[in-house]
Amino acid sequence: MRAKARIIVKGKVQRVGFRYFTYKLAKRIGLVGYVKNLDDGSVEIVVEGEKEDIIKLISDVRIGPPGALVKDLEIYWYESKNDFNDFVIIR
């Protein structure tokens, strides 16, 4: 079943390669969407794909890359609208 999720990752998640980590993970899993830093120091991930693949991404994002310290995730689920064709890093 296809789904869309918006994930807000809080903690020490900027300046540790978190966006690139998420990009590589999403591409490997086959998800589409984007990842970007937010002004409050958190990272926003918006993904579309098979729900079980999104759950896999969430599981890995909870750990993050070396140097990151994920303290909290906010996860919002939506109906997939096929809004994206690729996964990108927004700078």
PDB file of N, CA and C in Angstrom:
ATOM      1  N   MET A   1       0.836  -1.179   0.000  1.00  0.00           N
ATOM      2  CA  MET A   1       0.000   0.000   0.000  1.00  0.00           C
ATOM      3  C   MET A   1       0.888   1.253   0.000  1.00  0.00           C
ATOM      4  N   ARG A   2       0.639   2.140  -0.942  1.00  0.00           N
ATOM      5  CA  ARG A   2       1.417   3.376  -1.019  1.00  0.00           C
ATOM      6  C   ARG A   2       0.963   4.358   0.044  1.00  0.00           C
ATOM      7  N   ALA A   3       1.909   5.131   0.528  1.00  0.00           N
ATOM      8  CA  ALA A   3       1.630   6.120   1.563  1.00  0.00           C
ATOM      9  C   ALA A   3       2.577   7.300   1.409  1.00  0.00           C
ATOM     10  N   LYS A   4       2.295   8.335   2.168  1.00  0.00           N
ATOM     11  CA  LYS A   4       3.147   9.519   2.236  1.00  0.00           C
ATOM     12  C   LYS A   4       3.351   9.818   3.715  1.00  0.00           C
ATOM     13  N   ALA A   5       4.562  10.217   4.073  1.00  0.00           N
ATOM     14  CA  ALA A   5       4.847  10.568   5.458  1.00  0.00           C
ATOM     15  C   ALA A   5       5.688  11.836   5.508  1.00  0.00           C
ATOM     16  N   ARG A   6       5.413  12.633   6.527  1.00  0.00           N
ATOM     17  CA  ARG A   6       6.249  13.792   6.858  1.00  0.00           C
ATOM     18  C   ARG A   6       6.867  13.482   8.214  1.00  0.00           C
ATOM     19  N   ILE A   7       8.190  13.489   8.254  1.00  0.00           N
ATOM     20  CA  ILE A   7       8.926  13.105   9.455  1.00  0.00           C
ATOM     21  C   ILE A   7       9.788  14.291   9.883  1.00  0.00           C
ATOM     22  N   ILE A   8       9.613  14.727  11.112  1.00  0.00           N
ATOM     23  CA  ILE A   8      10.450  15.777  11.677  1.00  0.00           C
ATOM     24  C   ILE A   8      11.406  15.106  12.656  1.00  0.00           C
ATOM     25  N   VAL A   9      12.698  15.250  12.389  1.00  0.00           N
ATOM     26  CA  VAL A   9      13.738  14.611  13.198  1.00  0.00           C
ATOM     27  C   VAL A   9      14.380  15.687  14.066  1.00  0.00           C
ATOM     28  N   LYS A  10      14.342  15.470  15.389  1.00  0.00           N
ATOM     29  CA  LYS A  10      14.873  16.451  16.331  1.00  0.00           C
ATOM     30  C   LYS A  10      16.069  15.881  17.068  1.00  0.00           C
ATOM     31  N   GLY A  11      16.962  16.769  17.456  1.00  0.00           N
ATOM     32  CA  GLY A  11      18.179  16.386  18.162  1.00  0.00           C
ATOM     33  C   GLY A  11      19.373  17.035  17.499  1.00  0.00           C
ATOM     34  N   LYS A  12      20.527  16.384  17.613  1.00  0.00           N
ATOM     35  CA  LYS A  12      21.732  16.861  16.915  1.00  0.00           C
ATOM     36  C   LYS A  12      21.716  16.218  15.531  1.00  0.00           C
ATOM     37  N   VAL A  13      21.040  16.890  14.591  1.00  0.00           N
ATOM     38  CA  VAL A  13      20.825  16.300  13.272  1.00  0.00           C
ATOM     39  C   VAL A  13      21.257  17.216  12.126  1.00  0.00           C
ATOM     40  N   GLN A  14      21.832  18.357  12.454  1.00  0.00           N
ATOM     41  CA  GLN A  14      22.394  19.215  11.420  1.00  0.00           C
ATOM     42  C   GLN A  14      23.907  19.254  11.595  1.00  0.00           C
ATOM     43  N   ARG A  15      24.595  19.405  10.470  1.00  0.00           N
ATOM     44  CA  ARG A  15      26.072  19.435  10.433  1.00  0.00           C
ATOM     45  C   ARG A  15      26.697  18.083  10.804  1.00  0.00           C
ATOM     46  N   VAL A  16      25.944  16.998  10.557  1.00  0.00           N
ATOM     47  CA  VAL A  16      26.463  15.652  10.822  1.00  0.00           C
ATOM     48  C   VAL A  16      26.238  14.729   9.619  1.00  0.00           C
ATOM     49  N   GLY A  17      25.855  15.300   8.467  1.00  0.00           N
ATOM     50  CA  GLY A  17      25.617  14.491   7.272  1.00  0.00           C
ATOM     51  C   GLY A  17      24.261  13.806   7.253  1.00  0.00           C
ATOM     52  N   PHE A  18      23.317  14.325   8.031  1.00  0.00           N
ATOM     53  CA  PHE A  18      22.017  13.669   8.154  1.00  0.00           C
ATOM     54  C   PHE A  18      21.225  13.691   6.846  1.00  0.00           C
ATOM     55  N   ARG A  19      21.258  14.814   6.141  1.00  0.00           N
ATOM     56  CA  ARG A  19      20.507  14.880   4.873  1.00  0.00           C
ATOM     57  C   ARG A  19      21.070  13.901   3.852  1.00  0.00           C
ATOM     58  N   TYR A  20      22.382  13.830   3.735  1.00  0.00           N
ATOM     59  CA  TYR A  20      22.991  12.913   2.778  1.00  0.00           C
ATOM     60  C   TYR A  20      22.733  11.461   3.183  1.00  0.00           C
ATOM     61  N   PHE A  21      22.808  11.161   4.476  1.00  0.00           N
ATOM     62  CA  PHE A  21      22.479   9.837   5.005  1.00  0.00           C
ATOM     63  C   PHE A  21      21.052   9.447   4.598  1.00  0.00           C
ATOM     64  N   THR A  22      20.115  10.359   4.793  1.00  0.00           N
ATOM     65  CA  THR A  22      18.713  10.100   4.453  1.00  0.00           C
ATOM     66  C   THR A  22      18.542   9.945   2.947  1.00  0.00           C
ATOM     67  N   TYR A  23      19.234  10.768   2.185  1.00  0.00           N
ATOM     68  CA  TYR A  23      19.175  10.694   0.721  1.00  0.00           C
ATOM     69  C   TYR A  23      19.622   9.318   0.230  1.00  0.00           C
ATOM     70  N   LYS A  24      20.775   8.855   0.686  1.00  0.00           N
ATOM     71  CA  LYS A  24      21.286   7.546   0.260  1.00  0.00           C
ATOM     72  C   LYS A  24      20.330   6.428   0.660  1.00  0.00           C
ATOM     73  N   LEU A  25      19.787   6.516   1.846  1.00  0.00           N
ATOM     74  CA  LEU A  25      18.858   5.509   2.355  1.00  0.00           C
ATOM     75  C   LEU A  25      17.576   5.479   1.517  1.00  0.00           C
ATOM     76  N   ALA A  26      16.997   6.638   1.272  1.00  0.00           N
ATOM     77  CA  ALA A  26      15.753   6.717   0.492  1.00  0.00           C
ATOM     78  C   ALA A  26      15.961   6.209  -0.935  1.00  0.00           C
ATOM     79  N   LYS A  27      17.076   6.566  -1.533  1.00  0.00           N
ATOM     80  CA  LYS A  27      17.365   6.121  -2.900  1.00  0.00           C
ATOM     81  C   LYS A  27      17.518   4.595  -2.933  1.00  0.00           C
ATOM     82  N   ARG A  28      18.220   4.040  -1.941  1.00  0.00           N
ATOM     83  CA  ARG A  28      18.433   2.593  -1.892  1.00  0.00           C
ATOM     84  C   ARG A  28      17.108   1.852  -1.708  1.00  0.00           C
ATOM     85  N   ILE A  29      16.238   2.400  -0.875  1.00  0.00           N
ATOM     86  CA  ILE A  29      14.950   1.755  -0.607  1.00  0.00           C
ATOM     87  C   ILE A  29      13.976   1.956  -1.773  1.00  0.00           C
ATOM     88  N   GLY A  30      14.135   3.056  -2.523  1.00  0.00           N
ATOM     89  CA  GLY A  30      13.241   3.332  -3.645  1.00  0.00           C
ATOM     90  C   GLY A  30      12.123   4.301  -3.321  1.00  0.00           C
ATOM     91  N   LEU A  31      12.361   5.178  -2.342  1.00  0.00           N
ATOM     92  CA  LEU A  31      11.364   6.185  -1.973  1.00  0.00           C
ATOM     93  C   LEU A  31      11.604   7.476  -2.735  1.00  0.00           C
ATOM     94  N   VAL A  32      10.567   8.283  -2.849  1.00  0.00           N
ATOM     95  CA  VAL A  32      10.672   9.592  -3.489  1.00  0.00           C
ATOM     96  C   VAL A  32      10.237  10.661  -2.491  1.00  0.00           C
ATOM     97  N   GLY A  33      10.725  11.884  -2.702  1.00  0.00           N
ATOM     98  CA  GLY A  33      10.388  12.994  -1.818  1.00  0.00           C
ATOM     99  C   GLY A  33      11.585  13.891  -1.624  1.00  0.00           C
ATOM    100  N   TYR A  34      11.750  14.402  -0.389  1.00  0.00           N
ATOM    101  CA  TYR A  34      12.883  15.302  -0.128  1.00  0.00           C
ATOM    102  C   TYR A  34      13.261  15.273   1.344  1.00  0.00           C
ATOM    103  N   VAL A  35      14.444  15.814   1.613  1.00  0.00           N
ATOM    104  CA  VAL A  35      14.929  16.043   2.968  1.00  0.00           C
ATOM    105  C   VAL A  35      15.505  17.443   3.010  1.00  0.00           C
ATOM    106  N   LYS A  36      15.243  18.168   4.109  1.00  0.00           N
ATOM    107  CA  LYS A  36      15.807  19.516   4.235  1.00  0.00           C
ATOM    108  C   LYS A  36      15.983  19.881   5.700  1.00  0.00           C
ATOM    109  N   ASN A  37      16.943  20.773   5.951  1.00  0.00           N
ATOM    110  CA  ASN A  37      17.145  21.329   7.281  1.00  0.00           C
ATOM    111  C   ASN A  37      16.074  22.375   7.543  1.00  0.00           C
ATOM    112  N   LEU A  38      15.602  22.445   8.779  1.00  0.00           N
ATOM    113  CA  LEU A  38      14.670  23.484   9.191  1.00  0.00           C
ATOM    114  C   LEU A  38      15.393  24.499  10.064  1.00  0.00           C
ATOM    115  N   ASP A  39      14.855  25.701  10.118  1.00  0.00           N
ATOM    116  CA  ASP A  39      15.508  26.785  10.852  1.00  0.00           C
ATOM    117  C   ASP A  39      15.654  26.508  12.345  1.00  0.00           C
ATOM    118  N   ASP A  40      14.813  25.644  12.899  1.00  0.00           N
ATOM    119  CA  ASP A  40      14.871  25.364  14.338  1.00  0.00           C
ATOM    120  C   ASP A  40      15.917  24.307  14.703  1.00  0.00           C
ATOM    121  N   GLY A  41      16.700  23.831  13.710  1.00  0.00           N
ATOM    122  CA  GLY A  41      17.746  22.840  13.966  1.00  0.00           C
ATOM    123  C   GLY A  41      17.315  21.409  13.717  1.00  0.00           C
ATOM    124  N   SER A  42      16.054  21.219  13.367  1.00  0.00           N
ATOM    125  CA  SER A  42      15.567  19.873  13.059  1.00  0.00           C
ATOM    126  C   SER A  42      15.685  19.608  11.560  1.00  0.00           C
ATOM    127  N   VAL A  43      15.366  18.385  11.159  1.00  0.00           N
ATOM    128  CA  VAL A  43      15.393  17.986   9.755  1.00  0.00           C
ATOM    129  C   VAL A  43      13.998  17.496   9.382  1.00  0.00           C
ATOM    130  N   GLU A  44      13.524  17.930   8.218  1.00  0.00           N
ATOM    131  CA  GLU A  44      12.229  17.496   7.699  1.00  0.00           C
ATOM    132  C   GLU A  44      12.457  16.508   6.562  1.00  0.00           C
ATOM    133  N   ILE A  45      11.757  15.388   6.621  1.00  0.00           N
ATOM    134  CA  ILE A  45      11.776  14.392   5.555  1.00  0.00           C
ATOM    135  C   ILE A  45      10.345  14.197   5.091  1.00  0.00           C
ATOM    136  N   VAL A  46      10.118  14.327   3.801  1.00  0.00           N
ATOM    137  CA  VAL A  46       8.809  14.021   3.225  1.00  0.00           C
ATOM    138  C   VAL A  46       9.035  12.924   2.194  1.00  0.00           C
ATOM    139  N   VAL A  47       8.358  11.789   2.381  1.00  0.00           N
ATOM    140  CA  VAL A  47       8.575  10.643   1.502  1.00  0.00           C
ATOM    141  C   VAL A  47       7.259  10.028   1.056  1.00  0.00           C
ATOM    142  N   GLU A  48       7.312   9.459  -0.138  1.00  0.00           N
ATOM    143  CA  GLU A  48       6.208   8.674  -0.667  1.00  0.00           C
ATOM    144  C   GLU A  48       6.761   7.339  -1.143  1.00  0.00           C
ATOM    145  N   GLY A  49       5.945   6.311  -0.986  1.00  0.00           N
ATOM    146  CA  GLY A  49       6.329   4.981  -1.437  1.00  0.00           C
ATOM    147  C   GLY A  49       5.494   3.948  -0.721  1.00  0.00           C
ATOM    148  N   GLU A  50       5.946   2.717  -0.785  1.00  0.00           N
ATOM    149  CA  GLU A  50       5.249   1.650  -0.077  1.00  0.00           C
ATOM    150  C   GLU A  50       5.390   1.881   1.433  1.00  0.00           C
ATOM    151  N   LYS A  51       4.287   1.705   2.160  1.00  0.00           N
ATOM    152  CA  LYS A  51       4.299   2.006   3.596  1.00  0.00           C
ATOM    153  C   LYS A  51       5.381   1.224   4.334  1.00  0.00           C
ATOM    154  N   GLU A  52       5.574  -0.043   3.985  1.00  0.00           N
ATOM    155  CA  GLU A  52       6.604  -0.836   4.678  1.00  0.00           C
ATOM    156  C   GLU A  52       8.006  -0.302   4.398  1.00  0.00           C
ATOM    157  N   ASP A  53       8.221   0.296   3.211  1.00  0.00           N
ATOM    158  CA  ASP A  53       9.519   0.907   2.901  1.00  0.00           C
ATOM    159  C   ASP A  53       9.724   2.192   3.711  1.00  0.00           C
ATOM    160  N   ILE A  54       8.658   2.953   3.892  1.00  0.00           N
ATOM    161  CA  ILE A  54       8.748   4.168   4.712  1.00  0.00           C
ATOM    162  C   ILE A  54       9.050   3.788   6.156  1.00  0.00           C
ATOM    163  N   ILE A  55       8.432   2.735   6.645  1.00  0.00           N
ATOM    164  CA  ILE A  55       8.693   2.264   8.012  1.00  0.00           C
ATOM    165  C   ILE A  55      10.147   1.846   8.158  1.00  0.00           C
ATOM    166  N   LYS A  56      10.724   1.225   7.133  1.00  0.00           N
ATOM    167  CA  LYS A  56      12.146   0.864   7.144  1.00  0.00           C
ATOM    168  C   LYS A  56      13.021   2.117   7.240  1.00  0.00           C
ATOM    169  N   LEU A  57      12.689   3.139   6.445  1.00  0.00           N
ATOM    170  CA  LEU A  57      13.441   4.390   6.495  1.00  0.00           C
ATOM    171  C   LEU A  57      13.359   5.000   7.894  1.00  0.00           C
ATOM    172  N   ILE A  58      12.169   5.019   8.473  1.00  0.00           N
ATOM    173  CA  ILE A  58      11.982   5.585   9.818  1.00  0.00           C
ATOM    174  C   ILE A  58      12.849   4.842  10.829  1.00  0.00           C
ATOM    175  N   SER A  59      12.897   3.541  10.722  1.00  0.00           N
ATOM    176  CA  SER A  59      13.704   2.731  11.640  1.00  0.00           C
ATOM    177  C   SER A  59      15.174   3.123  11.567  1.00  0.00           C
ATOM    178  N   ASP A  60      15.694   3.308  10.358  1.00  0.00           N
ATOM    179  CA  ASP A  60      17.104   3.686  10.193  1.00  0.00           C
ATOM    180  C   ASP A  60      17.362   5.138  10.580  1.00  0.00           C
ATOM    181  N   VAL A  61      16.396   6.011  10.323  1.00  0.00           N
ATOM    182  CA  VAL A  61      16.537   7.428  10.654  1.00  0.00           C
ATOM    183  C   VAL A  61      16.581   7.626  12.176  1.00  0.00           C
ATOM    184  N   ARG A  62      15.911   6.759  12.917  1.00  0.00           N
ATOM    185  CA  ARG A  62      15.949   6.852  14.387  1.00  0.00           C
ATOM    186  C   ARG A  62      17.380   6.742  14.915  1.00  0.00           C
ATOM    187  N   ILE A  63      18.228   6.033  14.184  1.00  0.00           N
ATOM    188  CA  ILE A  63      19.631   5.859  14.567  1.00  0.00           C
ATOM    189  C   ILE A  63      20.474   6.986  13.980  1.00  0.00           C
ATOM    190  N   GLY A  64      20.295   7.257  12.684  1.00  0.00           N
ATOM    191  CA  GLY A  64      21.030   8.327  12.022  1.00  0.00           C
ATOM    192  C   GLY A  64      22.471   7.969  11.735  1.00  0.00           C
ATOM    193  N   PRO A  65      23.193   8.900  11.114  1.00  0.00           N
ATOM    194  CA  PRO A  65      24.602   8.673  10.789  1.00  0.00           C
ATOM    195  C   PRO A  65      25.486   8.874  12.024  1.00  0.00           C
ATOM    196  N   PRO A  66      26.753   8.446  11.947  1.00  0.00           N
ATOM    197  CA  PRO A  66      27.685   8.720  13.051  1.00  0.00           C
ATOM    198  C   PRO A  66      27.735  10.220  13.340  1.00  0.00           C
ATOM    199  N   GLY A  67      27.726  10.582  14.590  1.00  0.00           N
ATOM    200  CA  GLY A  67      27.762  11.998  14.981  1.00  0.00           C
ATOM    201  C   GLY A  67      26.395  12.582  15.260  1.00  0.00           C
ATOM    202  N   ALA A  68      25.356  11.931  14.784  1.00  0.00           N
ATOM    203  CA  ALA A  68      23.995  12.416  15.024  1.00  0.00           C
ATOM    204  C   ALA A  68      23.492  11.882  16.358  1.00  0.00           C
ATOM    205  N   LEU A  69      22.567  12.620  16.948  1.00  0.00           N
ATOM    206  CA  LEU A  69      21.897  12.173  18.167  1.00  0.00           C
ATOM    207  C   LEU A  69      20.409  12.500  18.005  1.00  0.00           C
ATOM    208  N   VAL A  70      19.649  11.503  17.570  1.00  0.00           N
ATOM    209  CA  VAL A  70      18.209  11.691  17.354  1.00  0.00           C
ATOM    210  C   VAL A  70      17.509  11.603  18.699  1.00  0.00           C
ATOM    211  N   LYS A  71      16.810  12.678  19.056  1.00  0.00           N
ATOM    212  CA  LYS A  71      16.109  12.711  20.344  1.00  0.00           C
ATOM    213  C   LYS A  71      14.618  12.440  20.187  1.00  0.00           C
ATOM    214  N   ASP A  72      14.051  12.796  19.045  1.00  0.00           N
ATOM    215  CA  ASP A  72      12.606  12.629  18.868  1.00  0.00           C
ATOM    216  C   ASP A  72      12.264  12.637  17.386  1.00  0.00           C
ATOM    217  N   LEU A  73      11.215  11.900  17.050  1.00  0.00           N
ATOM    218  CA  LEU A  73      10.655  11.919  15.701  1.00  0.00           C
ATOM    219  C   LEU A  73       9.181  12.275  15.807  1.00  0.00           C
ATOM    220  N   GLU A  74       8.739  13.175  14.950  1.00  0.00           N
ATOM    221  CA  GLU A  74       7.312  13.438  14.778  1.00  0.00           C
ATOM    222  C   GLU A  74       6.964  12.860  13.415  1.00  0.00           C
ATOM    223  N   ILE A  75       5.986  11.974  13.362  1.00  0.00           N
ATOM    224  CA  ILE A  75       5.631  11.302  12.114  1.00  0.00           C
ATOM    225  C   ILE A  75       4.168  11.570  11.800  1.00  0.00           C
ATOM    226  N   TYR A  76       3.915  12.070  10.606  1.00  0.00           N
ATOM    227  CA  TYR A  76       2.563  12.367  10.139  1.00  0.00           C
ATOM    228  C   TYR A  76       2.316  11.568   8.872  1.00  0.00           C
ATOM    229  N   TRP A  77       1.240  10.795   8.848  1.00  0.00           N
ATOM    230  CA  TRP A  77       0.912   9.956   7.699  1.00  0.00           C
ATOM    231  C   TRP A  77      -0.176  10.600   6.850  1.00  0.00           C
ATOM    232  N   TYR A  78      -0.044  10.449   5.524  1.00  0.00           N
ATOM    233  CA  TYR A  78      -1.002  10.997   4.574  1.00  0.00           C
ATOM    234  C   TYR A  78      -1.264   9.975   3.471  1.00  0.00           C
ATOM    235  N   GLU A  79      -2.288  10.233   2.724  1.00  0.00           N
ATOM    236  CA  GLU A  79      -2.554   9.442   1.523  1.00  0.00           C
ATOM    237  C   GLU A  79      -1.535   9.836   0.453  1.00  0.00           C
ATOM    238  N   SER A  80      -0.989   8.866  -0.237  1.00  0.00           N
ATOM    239  CA  SER A  80      -0.027   9.145  -1.306  1.00  0.00           C
ATOM    240  C   SER A  80      -0.721   9.849  -2.457  1.00  0.00           C
ATOM    241  N   LYS A  81      -0.098  10.920  -2.946  1.00  0.00           N
ATOM    242  CA  LYS A  81      -0.643  11.689  -4.075  1.00  0.00           C
ATOM    243  C   LYS A  81       0.277  11.635  -5.289  1.00  0.00           C
ATOM    244  N   ASN A  82       1.357  10.844  -5.190  1.00  0.00           N
ATOM    245  CA  ASN A  82       2.351  10.776  -6.270  1.00  0.00           C
ATOM    246  C   ASN A  82       2.876  12.166  -6.627  1.00  0.00           C
ATOM    247  N   ASP A  83       3.251  12.914  -5.591  1.00  0.00           N
ATOM    248  CA  ASP A  83       3.728  14.289  -5.767  1.00  0.00           C
ATOM    249  C   ASP A  83       5.170  14.377  -6.254  1.00  0.00           C
ATOM    250  N   PHE A  84       5.935  13.288  -6.147  1.00  0.00           N
ATOM    251  CA  PHE A  84       7.362  13.344  -6.424  1.00  0.00           C
ATOM    252  C   PHE A  84       7.778  12.296  -7.449  1.00  0.00           C
ATOM    253  N   ASN A  85       8.865  12.609  -8.175  1.00  0.00           N
ATOM    254  CA  ASN A  85       9.432  11.672  -9.147  1.00  0.00           C
ATOM    255  C   ASN A  85      10.779  11.110  -8.701  1.00  0.00           C
ATOM    256  N   ASP A  86      11.402  11.764  -7.728  1.00  0.00           N
ATOM    257  CA  ASP A  86      12.752  11.407  -7.293  1.00  0.00           C
ATOM    258  C   ASP A  86      12.892  11.793  -5.827  1.00  0.00           C
ATOM    259  N   PHE A  87      14.015  11.444  -5.218  1.00  0.00           N
ATOM    260  CA  PHE A  87      14.310  11.901  -3.861  1.00  0.00           C
ATOM    261  C   PHE A  87      15.448  12.890  -3.951  1.00  0.00           C
ATOM    262  N   VAL A  88      15.283  14.071  -3.337  1.00  0.00           N
ATOM    263  CA  VAL A  88      16.288  15.133  -3.442  1.00  0.00           C
ATOM    264  C   VAL A  88      16.597  15.738  -2.074  1.00  0.00           C
ATOM    265  N   ILE A  89      17.763  16.353  -2.011  1.00  0.00           N
ATOM    266  CA  ILE A  89      18.148  17.158  -0.848  1.00  0.00           C
ATOM    267  C   ILE A  89      17.832  18.599  -1.190  1.00  0.00           C
ATOM    268  N   ILE A  90      17.065  19.249  -0.329  1.00  0.00           N
ATOM    269  CA  ILE A  90      16.782  20.682  -0.499  1.00  0.00           C
ATOM    270  C   ILE A  90      17.769  21.444   0.368  1.00  0.00           C
ATOM    271  N   ARG A  91      18.490  22.344  -0.242  1.00  0.00           N
ATOM    272  CA  ARG A  91      19.519  23.094   0.473  1.00  0.00           C
ATOM    273  C   ARG A  91      18.989  24.406   0.975  1.00  0.00           C
TER     274      ARG A  91
END
